[in-house]
Amino acid sequence: MATPQTNPPRRSSRSLCIGIAILLLLLGGMVMDPQAGFICFALAGMFSLVPLWSARGWPRYVSIAVLTIALLLAVATFPAARRQHNAYKDKATSGAHAPNP
């Protein structure tokens, strides 16, 4: 009995992942919120990993470039995102009251 073969990822899915990663890089650069920018850059890096593992030729080189850019931008925005999160956390916990029994 013949075993069913799994279909390899098509070329269009690799290009789609690269396109989504580039779109997320652009979106992360346009938003004013440092945390949203950091999340967009991290997602762009994750989307660029798919063609890196499965593609050959130019999609792999483009995904390496997109991953490098995403990592550099995420590292650059991390301190601002951390400061914003710490300020939010301090503001949220300073007004917290102990629950009444």
N, C-alpha and C. Protein backbone atom coordinates (compact mmCIF):
# COMPACT_ATOMS: atom_id res chain seq x y z
N MET A 1 0.84 -1.16 0.00
CA MET A 1 0.00 0.00 0.00
C MET A 1 0.89 1.24 0.00
N ALA A 2 0.57 2.16 -0.86
CA ALA A 2 1.38 3.37 -1.00
C ALA A 2 1.05 4.34 0.12
N THR A 3 2.09 4.94 0.66
CA THR A 3 1.90 5.94 1.70
C THR A 3 1.68 7.31 1.05
N PRO A 4 0.80 8.09 1.60
CA PRO A 4 0.58 9.42 1.00
C PRO A 4 1.79 10.31 1.22
N GLN A 5 2.15 11.04 0.20
CA GLN A 5 3.29 11.94 0.29
C GLN A 5 2.81 13.31 0.75
N THR A 6 3.62 13.92 1.57
CA THR A 6 3.27 15.27 1.99
C THR A 6 3.79 16.24 0.96
N ASN A 7 3.02 17.23 0.70
CA ASN A 7 3.42 18.24 -0.27
C ASN A 7 4.36 19.24 0.39
N PRO A 8 5.48 19.55 -0.28
CA PRO A 8 6.37 20.56 0.29
C PRO A 8 5.72 21.93 0.19
N PRO A 9 6.14 22.86 1.02
CA PRO A 9 5.57 24.19 0.96
C PRO A 9 5.80 24.79 -0.43
N ARG A 10 4.77 25.43 -0.92
CA ARG A 10 4.89 26.02 -2.25
C ARG A 10 5.66 27.32 -2.19
N ARG A 11 6.12 27.72 -3.35
CA ARG A 11 6.92 28.92 -3.46
C ARG A 11 6.12 30.16 -3.03
N SER A 12 4.83 30.16 -3.32
CA SER A 12 4.03 31.33 -2.99
C SER A 12 3.90 31.51 -1.48
N SER A 13 3.87 30.42 -0.72
CA SER A 13 3.78 30.56 0.74
C SER A 13 5.06 31.15 1.30
N ARG A 14 6.19 30.81 0.71
CA ARG A 14 7.45 31.41 1.18
C ARG A 14 7.49 32.89 0.87
N SER A 15 7.05 33.25 -0.32
CA SER A 15 7.02 34.66 -0.70
C SER A 15 6.00 35.43 0.15
N LEU A 16 4.91 34.78 0.48
CA LEU A 16 3.91 35.41 1.34
C LEU A 16 4.48 35.68 2.72
N CYS A 17 5.22 34.75 3.29
CA CYS A 17 5.84 34.96 4.60
C CYS A 17 6.86 36.10 4.55
N ILE A 18 7.61 36.19 3.47
CA ILE A 18 8.56 37.29 3.33
C ILE A 18 7.81 38.61 3.21
N GLY A 19 6.73 38.62 2.44
CA GLY A 19 5.93 39.83 2.29
C GLY A 19 5.31 40.27 3.60
N ILE A 20 4.80 39.34 4.39
CA ILE A 20 4.23 39.68 5.69
C ILE A 20 5.32 40.22 6.62
N ALA A 21 6.50 39.62 6.58
CA ALA A 21 7.59 40.09 7.43
C ALA A 21 8.00 41.51 7.06
N ILE A 22 8.07 41.81 5.78
CA ILE A 22 8.43 43.16 5.35
C ILE A 22 7.33 44.15 5.74
N LEU A 23 6.07 43.74 5.60
CA LEU A 23 4.96 44.60 6.01
C LEU A 23 5.00 44.88 7.51
N LEU A 24 5.33 43.87 8.31
CA LEU A 24 5.45 44.07 9.75
C LEU A 24 6.62 44.98 10.11
N LEU A 25 7.71 44.89 9.35
CA LEU A 25 8.83 45.81 9.59
C LEU A 25 8.40 47.25 9.33
N LEU A 26 7.68 47.45 8.23
CA LEU A 26 7.21 48.80 7.91
C LEU A 26 6.22 49.29 8.96
N LEU A 27 5.31 48.43 9.36
CA LEU A 27 4.32 48.79 10.36
C LEU A 27 4.97 49.11 11.70
N GLY A 28 5.94 48.32 12.09
CA GLY A 28 6.65 48.55 13.34
C GLY A 28 7.43 49.85 13.33
N GLY A 29 7.90 50.26 12.16
CA GLY A 29 8.60 51.53 12.06
C GLY A 29 7.67 52.73 12.08
N MET A 30 6.41 52.51 11.71
CA MET A 30 5.46 53.63 11.63
C MET A 30 4.70 53.88 12.93
N VAL A 31 4.54 52.87 13.76
CA VAL A 31 3.75 53.07 14.98
C VAL A 31 4.54 53.91 15.97
N MET A 32 3.82 54.65 16.78
CA MET A 32 4.45 55.52 17.77
C MET A 32 4.69 54.82 19.10
N ASP A 33 3.98 53.75 19.35
CA ASP A 33 4.09 53.02 20.61
C ASP A 33 5.31 52.10 20.56
N PRO A 34 6.26 52.23 21.48
CA PRO A 34 7.45 51.38 21.44
C PRO A 34 7.13 49.89 21.63
N GLN A 35 6.14 49.57 22.46
CA GLN A 35 5.81 48.16 22.66
C GLN A 35 5.21 47.55 21.40
N ALA A 36 4.35 48.29 20.73
CA ALA A 36 3.76 47.78 19.49
C ALA A 36 4.83 47.62 18.42
N GLY A 37 5.77 48.55 18.36
CA GLY A 37 6.87 48.43 17.41
C GLY A 37 7.73 47.21 17.70
N PHE A 38 8.02 46.99 18.97
CA PHE A 38 8.82 45.83 19.36
C PHE A 38 8.11 44.53 18.98
N ILE A 39 6.80 44.47 19.22
CA ILE A 39 6.03 43.27 18.87
C ILE A 39 6.03 43.06 17.36
N CYS A 40 5.87 44.14 16.59
CA CYS A 40 5.89 44.01 15.13
C CYS A 40 7.25 43.51 14.63
N PHE A 41 8.32 44.02 15.21
CA PHE A 41 9.66 43.57 14.80
C PHE A 41 9.89 42.11 15.18
N ALA A 42 9.41 41.70 16.34
CA ALA A 42 9.55 40.31 16.76
C ALA A 42 8.75 39.39 15.84
N LEU A 43 7.53 39.79 15.50
CA LEU A 43 6.72 38.98 14.58
C LEU A 43 7.34 38.92 13.20
N ALA A 44 7.93 40.01 12.75
CA ALA A 44 8.61 40.01 11.46
C ALA A 44 9.77 39.01 11.46
N GLY A 45 10.49 38.96 12.56
CA GLY A 45 11.57 37.98 12.68
C GLY A 45 11.05 36.56 12.64
N MET A 46 9.92 36.32 13.30
CA MET A 46 9.35 34.97 13.29
C MET A 46 8.85 34.57 11.89
N PHE A 47 8.22 35.51 11.21
CA PHE A 47 7.75 35.21 9.86
C PHE A 47 8.90 35.00 8.89
N SER A 48 10.04 35.63 9.13
CA SER A 48 11.17 35.43 8.23
C SER A 48 11.89 34.11 8.48
N LEU A 49 11.59 33.45 9.59
CA LEU A 49 12.22 32.15 9.85
C LEU A 49 11.66 31.04 8.96
N VAL A 50 10.40 31.16 8.55
CA VAL A 50 9.78 30.10 7.73
C VAL A 50 10.52 29.93 6.41
N PRO A 51 10.74 31.00 5.61
CA PRO A 51 11.49 30.79 4.38
C PRO A 51 12.97 30.47 4.62
N LEU A 52 13.48 30.89 5.77
CA LEU A 52 14.88 30.58 6.07
C LEU A 52 15.09 29.08 6.19
N TRP A 53 14.13 28.39 6.81
CA TRP A 53 14.26 26.95 6.98
C TRP A 53 13.88 26.15 5.74
N SER A 54 12.95 26.65 4.93
CA SER A 54 12.42 25.81 3.87
C SER A 54 12.79 26.25 2.46
N ALA A 55 13.31 27.44 2.28
CA ALA A 55 13.54 27.95 0.93
C ALA A 55 14.99 27.71 0.49
N ARG A 56 15.16 27.83 -0.80
CA ARG A 56 16.49 27.78 -1.40
C ARG A 56 16.61 28.96 -2.34
N GLY A 57 17.82 29.45 -2.50
CA GLY A 57 18.04 30.53 -3.44
C GLY A 57 17.71 31.89 -2.86
N TRP A 58 17.14 32.76 -3.70
CA TRP A 58 16.92 34.15 -3.29
C TRP A 58 15.96 34.31 -2.12
N PRO A 59 14.90 33.48 -1.97
CA PRO A 59 14.06 33.68 -0.78
C PRO A 59 14.82 33.49 0.53
N ARG A 60 15.77 32.59 0.54
CA ARG A 60 16.56 32.37 1.76
C ARG A 60 17.43 33.60 2.06
N TYR A 61 18.03 34.18 1.04
CA TYR A 61 18.87 35.36 1.25
C TYR A 61 18.05 36.56 1.70
N VAL A 62 16.86 36.72 1.12
CA VAL A 62 15.98 37.81 1.52
C VAL A 62 15.52 37.59 2.96
N SER A 63 15.21 36.35 3.32
CA SER A 63 14.76 36.09 4.69
C SER A 63 15.88 36.31 5.70
N ILE A 64 17.12 36.03 5.33
CA ILE A 64 18.25 36.31 6.20
C ILE A 64 18.38 37.82 6.42
N ALA A 65 18.23 38.59 5.34
CA ALA A 65 18.31 40.05 5.45
C ALA A 65 17.17 40.60 6.32
N VAL A 66 15.95 40.10 6.10
CA VAL A 66 14.80 40.56 6.88
C VAL A 66 14.96 40.17 8.35
N LEU A 67 15.44 38.97 8.62
CA LEU A 67 15.66 38.54 10.00
C LEU A 67 16.70 39.41 10.69
N THR A 68 17.78 39.73 9.99
CA THR A 68 18.83 40.57 10.56
C THR A 68 18.29 41.97 10.88
N ILE A 69 17.53 42.54 9.95
CA ILE A 69 16.96 43.87 10.17
C ILE A 69 15.97 43.83 11.32
N ALA A 70 15.13 42.80 11.36
CA ALA A 70 14.14 42.69 12.44
C ALA A 70 14.81 42.57 13.80
N LEU A 71 15.86 41.76 13.88
CA LEU A 71 16.57 41.62 15.16
C LEU A 71 17.23 42.91 15.60
N LEU A 72 17.85 43.62 14.66
CA LEU A 72 18.49 44.89 15.01
C LEU A 72 17.47 45.92 15.47
N LEU A 73 16.34 46.00 14.78
CA LEU A 73 15.32 46.96 15.17
C LEU A 73 14.67 46.58 16.50
N ALA A 74 14.48 45.28 16.74
CA ALA A 74 13.91 44.85 18.01
C ALA A 74 14.85 45.17 19.17
N VAL A 75 16.13 44.96 18.97
CA VAL A 75 17.11 45.29 20.01
C VAL A 75 17.15 46.80 20.25
N ALA A 76 16.99 47.58 19.19
CA ALA A 76 17.03 49.05 19.34
C ALA A 76 15.79 49.58 20.05
N THR A 77 14.63 48.95 19.86
CA THR A 77 13.41 49.45 20.49
C THR A 77 13.13 48.82 21.85
N PHE A 78 13.87 47.81 22.22
CA PHE A 78 13.60 47.14 23.49
C PHE A 78 13.73 48.06 24.71
N PRO A 79 14.77 48.90 24.82
CA PRO A 79 14.86 49.76 26.02
C PRO A 79 13.66 50.71 26.16
N ALA A 80 13.21 51.29 25.07
CA ALA A 80 12.06 52.19 25.15
C ALA A 80 10.79 51.43 25.52
N ALA A 81 10.63 50.24 24.97
CA ALA A 81 9.46 49.42 25.30
C ALA A 81 9.49 49.00 26.76
N ARG A 82 10.67 48.71 27.26
CA ARG A 82 10.80 48.31 28.66
C ARG A 82 10.48 49.47 29.60
N ARG A 83 10.98 50.67 29.26
CA ARG A 83 10.68 51.85 30.08
C ARG A 83 9.18 52.12 30.10
N GLN A 84 8.54 52.00 28.94
CA GLN A 84 7.11 52.25 28.88
C GLN A 84 6.34 51.21 29.69
N HIS A 85 6.75 49.97 29.60
CA HIS A 85 6.06 48.92 30.36
C HIS A 85 6.26 49.12 31.86
N ASN A 86 7.46 49.48 32.27
CA ASN A 86 7.71 49.71 33.70
C ASN A 86 6.89 50.90 34.22
N ALA A 87 6.76 51.96 33.42
CA ALA A 87 5.95 53.10 33.83
C ALA A 87 4.48 52.70 33.93
N TYR A 88 4.00 51.90 32.99
CA TYR A 88 2.62 51.43 33.04
C TYR A 88 2.39 50.54 34.26
N LYS A 89 3.34 49.65 34.54
CA LYS A 89 3.22 48.75 35.68
C LYS A 89 3.22 49.52 36.99
N ASP A 90 4.09 50.51 37.11
CA ASP A 90 4.12 51.32 38.34
C ASP A 90 2.83 52.10 38.52
N LYS A 91 2.31 52.64 37.44
CA LYS A 91 1.05 53.39 37.51
C LYS A 91 -0.12 52.49 37.86
N ALA A 92 -0.12 51.29 37.31
CA ALA A 92 -1.22 50.36 37.56
C ALA A 92 -1.18 49.81 38.98
N THR A 93 -0.01 49.58 39.53
CA THR A 93 0.07 49.01 40.87
C THR A 93 0.04 50.06 41.97
N SER A 94 0.30 51.32 41.64
CA SER A 94 0.30 52.34 42.69
C SER A 94 -1.11 52.65 43.16
N GLY A 95 -2.10 52.53 42.32
CA GLY A 95 -3.47 52.81 42.71
C GLY A 95 -4.22 51.58 43.17
N ALA A 96 -3.54 50.48 43.28
CA ALA A 96 -4.21 49.24 43.68
C ALA A 96 -4.45 49.25 45.18
N HIS A 97 -5.63 48.86 45.55
CA HIS A 97 -5.98 48.78 46.96
C HIS A 97 -6.11 47.31 47.36
N ALA A 98 -5.91 47.08 48.63
CA ALA A 98 -6.07 45.72 49.14
C ALA A 98 -7.55 45.37 49.13
N PRO A 99 -7.89 44.17 48.71
CA PRO A 99 -9.31 43.80 48.68
C PRO A 99 -9.88 43.69 50.09
N ASN A 100 -11.12 44.10 50.23
CA ASN A 100 -11.78 44.00 51.53
C ASN A 100 -12.30 42.58 51.75
N PRO A 101 -12.13 42.05 52.97
CA PRO A 101 -12.59 40.68 53.21
C PRO A 101 -14.09 40.55 53.29
